[in-house]
Amino acid sequence: PWPPEQLEAITRAAAALCRHHGWTERSVIGHLEWQPGKVDPRGFTMAWLRERVRERLKD
Protein backbone atom coordinates (compact mmCIF):
# COMPACT_ATOMS: atom_id res chain seq x y z
CA PRO A 1 0.00 0.00 0.00
CA TRP A 2 0.99 3.58 -0.66
CA PRO A 3 1.15 5.93 2.34
CA PRO A 4 -1.42 8.73 2.17
CA GLU A 5 1.37 11.32 2.02
CA GLN A 6 2.86 9.70 -1.06
CA LEU A 7 -0.50 9.50 -2.83
CA GLU A 8 -1.01 13.19 -2.07
CA ALA A 9 2.45 13.99 -3.45
CA ILE A 10 1.72 12.06 -6.66
CA THR A 11 -1.54 13.94 -7.06
CA ARG A 12 0.04 17.33 -6.43
CA ALA A 13 2.96 16.70 -8.78
CA ALA A 14 0.68 15.52 -11.59
CA ALA A 15 -1.63 18.50 -11.11
CA ALA A 16 1.31 20.91 -11.11
CA LEU A 17 2.56 19.50 -14.42
CA CYS A 18 -0.94 19.75 -15.88
CA ARG A 19 -1.29 23.37 -14.79
CA HIS A 20 2.13 24.32 -16.15
CA HIS A 21 1.40 22.83 -19.56
CA GLY A 22 -2.31 23.73 -19.73
CA TRP A 23 -3.33 20.07 -19.73
CA THR A 24 -6.32 18.34 -18.19
CA GLU A 25 -6.22 15.23 -16.03
CA ARG A 26 -6.55 13.19 -19.21
CA SER A 27 -2.85 13.76 -19.83
CA VAL A 28 -1.95 11.83 -16.68
CA ILE A 29 -1.05 8.29 -17.71
CA GLY A 30 0.69 5.34 -16.11
CA HIS A 31 3.40 3.14 -17.52
CA LEU A 32 0.94 0.33 -18.00
CA GLU A 33 -1.21 2.53 -20.27
CA TRP A 34 1.74 3.62 -22.42
CA GLN A 35 4.17 0.74 -22.70
CA PRO A 36 3.11 -2.89 -23.19
CA GLY A 37 4.58 -5.13 -20.53
CA LYS A 38 4.77 -2.47 -17.83
CA VAL A 39 2.75 -3.16 -14.70
CA ASP A 40 2.98 0.02 -12.68
CA PRO A 41 1.47 1.66 -10.87
CA ARG A 42 0.17 -1.02 -8.55
CA GLY A 43 -2.07 -0.34 -5.61
CA PHE A 44 -4.24 2.31 -7.26
CA THR A 45 -5.84 2.84 -10.64
CA MET A 46 -5.03 5.61 -13.04
CA ALA A 47 -8.74 6.45 -13.20
CA TRP A 48 -8.64 7.06 -9.43
CA LEU A 49 -5.53 9.24 -9.75
CA ARG A 50 -6.97 11.22 -12.67
CA GLU A 51 -10.10 11.93 -10.62
CA ARG A 52 -7.95 13.26 -7.78
CA VAL A 53 -5.97 15.41 -10.23
CA ARG A 54 -9.22 16.69 -11.79
CA GLU A 55 -10.46 17.77 -8.36
CA ARG A 56 -7.16 19.48 -7.54
CA LEU A 57 -7.19 21.34 -10.86
CA LYS A 58 -10.48 22.97 -9.83
CA ASP A 59 -8.61 24.96 -7.15
C-alpha atoms as a PDB file:
ATOM      1  CA  PRO A   1       0.000   0.000   0.000  1.00  0.00           C
ATOM      2  CA  TRP A   2       0.991   3.581  -0.661  1.00  0.00           C
ATOM      3  CA  PRO A   3       1.153   5.928   2.338  1.00  0.00           C
ATOM      4  CA  PRO A   4      -1.424   8.734   2.168  1.00  0.00           C
ATOM      5  CA  GLU A   5       1.365  11.319   2.023  1.00  0.00           C
ATOM      6  CA  GLN A   6       2.864   9.703  -1.058  1.00  0.00           C
ATOM      7  CA  LEU A   7      -0.500   9.503  -2.828  1.00  0.00           C
ATOM      8  CA  GLU A   8      -1.013  13.193  -2.070  1.00  0.00           C
ATOM      9  CA  ALA A   9       2.449  13.987  -3.448  1.00  0.00           C
ATOM     10  CA  ILE A  10       1.725  12.064  -6.662  1.00  0.00           C
ATOM     11  CA  THR A  11      -1.544  13.936  -7.064  1.00  0.00           C
ATOM     12  CA  ARG A  12       0.039  17.326  -6.425  1.00  0.00           C
ATOM     13  CA  ALA A  13       2.964  16.697  -8.783  1.00  0.00           C
ATOM     14  CA  ALA A  14       0.684  15.517 -11.586  1.00  0.00           C
ATOM     15  CA  ALA A  15      -1.634  18.495 -11.112  1.00  0.00           C
ATOM     16  CA  ALA A  16       1.315  20.912 -11.115  1.00  0.00           C
ATOM     17  CA  LEU A  17       2.557  19.503 -14.423  1.00  0.00           C
ATOM     18  CA  CYS A  18      -0.945  19.751 -15.883  1.00  0.00           C
ATOM     19  CA  ARG A  19      -1.292  23.374 -14.786  1.00  0.00           C
ATOM     20  CA  HIS A  20       2.126  24.323 -16.146  1.00  0.00           C
ATOM     21  CA  HIS A  21       1.395  22.833 -19.564  1.00  0.00           C
ATOM     22  CA  GLY A  22      -2.305  23.734 -19.729  1.00  0.00           C
ATOM     23  CA  TRP A  23      -3.327  20.071 -19.726  1.00  0.00           C
ATOM     24  CA  THR A  24      -6.316  18.337 -18.187  1.00  0.00           C
ATOM     25  CA  GLU A  25      -6.223  15.235 -16.030  1.00  0.00           C
ATOM     26  CA  ARG A  26      -6.552  13.186 -19.212  1.00  0.00           C
ATOM     27  CA  SER A  27      -2.852  13.765 -19.832  1.00  0.00           C
ATOM     28  CA  VAL A  28      -1.950  11.834 -16.678  1.00  0.00           C
ATOM     29  CA  ILE A  29      -1.049   8.287 -17.712  1.00  0.00           C
ATOM     30  CA  GLY A  30       0.690   5.336 -16.107  1.00  0.00           C
ATOM     31  CA  HIS A  31       3.405   3.136 -17.520  1.00  0.00           C
ATOM     32  CA  LEU A  32       0.937   0.327 -17.996  1.00  0.00           C
ATOM     33  CA  GLU A  33      -1.207   2.525 -20.269  1.00  0.00           C
ATOM     34  CA  TRP A  34       1.741   3.619 -22.419  1.00  0.00           C
ATOM     35  CA  GLN A  35       4.171   0.738 -22.703  1.00  0.00           C
ATOM     36  CA  PRO A  36       3.109  -2.893 -23.188  1.00  0.00           C
ATOM     37  CA  GLY A  37       4.577  -5.129 -20.531  1.00  0.00           C
ATOM     38  CA  LYS A  38       4.769  -2.474 -17.828  1.00  0.00           C
ATOM     39  CA  VAL A  39       2.754  -3.164 -14.698  1.00  0.00           C
ATOM     40  CA  ASP A  40       2.975   0.021 -12.679  1.00  0.00           C
ATOM     41  CA  PRO A  41       1.470   1.656 -10.867  1.00  0.00           C
ATOM     42  CA  ARG A  42       0.172  -1.015  -8.550  1.00  0.00           C
ATOM     43  CA  GLY A  43      -2.075  -0.344  -5.607  1.00  0.00           C
ATOM     44  CA  PHE A  44      -4.244   2.308  -7.262  1.00  0.00           C
ATOM     45  CA  THR A  45      -5.842   2.835 -10.642  1.00  0.00           C
ATOM     46  CA  MET A  46      -5.027   5.610 -13.038  1.00  0.00           C
ATOM     47  CA  ALA A  47      -8.742   6.449 -13.198  1.00  0.00           C
ATOM     48  CA  TRP A  48      -8.637   7.057  -9.433  1.00  0.00           C
ATOM     49  CA  LEU A  49      -5.533   9.241  -9.750  1.00  0.00           C
ATOM     50  CA  ARG A  50      -6.974  11.217 -12.669  1.00  0.00           C
ATOM     51  CA  GLU A  51     -10.103  11.927 -10.618  1.00  0.00           C
ATOM     52  CA  ARG A  52      -7.946  13.262  -7.777  1.00  0.00           C
ATOM     53  CA  VAL A  53      -5.969  15.412 -10.225  1.00  0.00           C
ATOM     54  CA  ARG A  54      -9.217  16.687 -11.788  1.00  0.00           C
ATOM     55  CA  GLU A  55     -10.462  17.768  -8.365  1.00  0.00           C
ATOM     56  CA  ARG A  56      -7.163  19.477  -7.540  1.00  0.00           C
ATOM     57  CA  LEU A  57      -7.186  21.342 -10.858  1.00  0.00           C
ATOM     58  CA  LYS A  58     -10.477  22.966  -9.833  1.00  0.00           C
ATOM     59  CA  ASP A  59      -8.608  24.959  -7.146  1.00  0.00           C
END
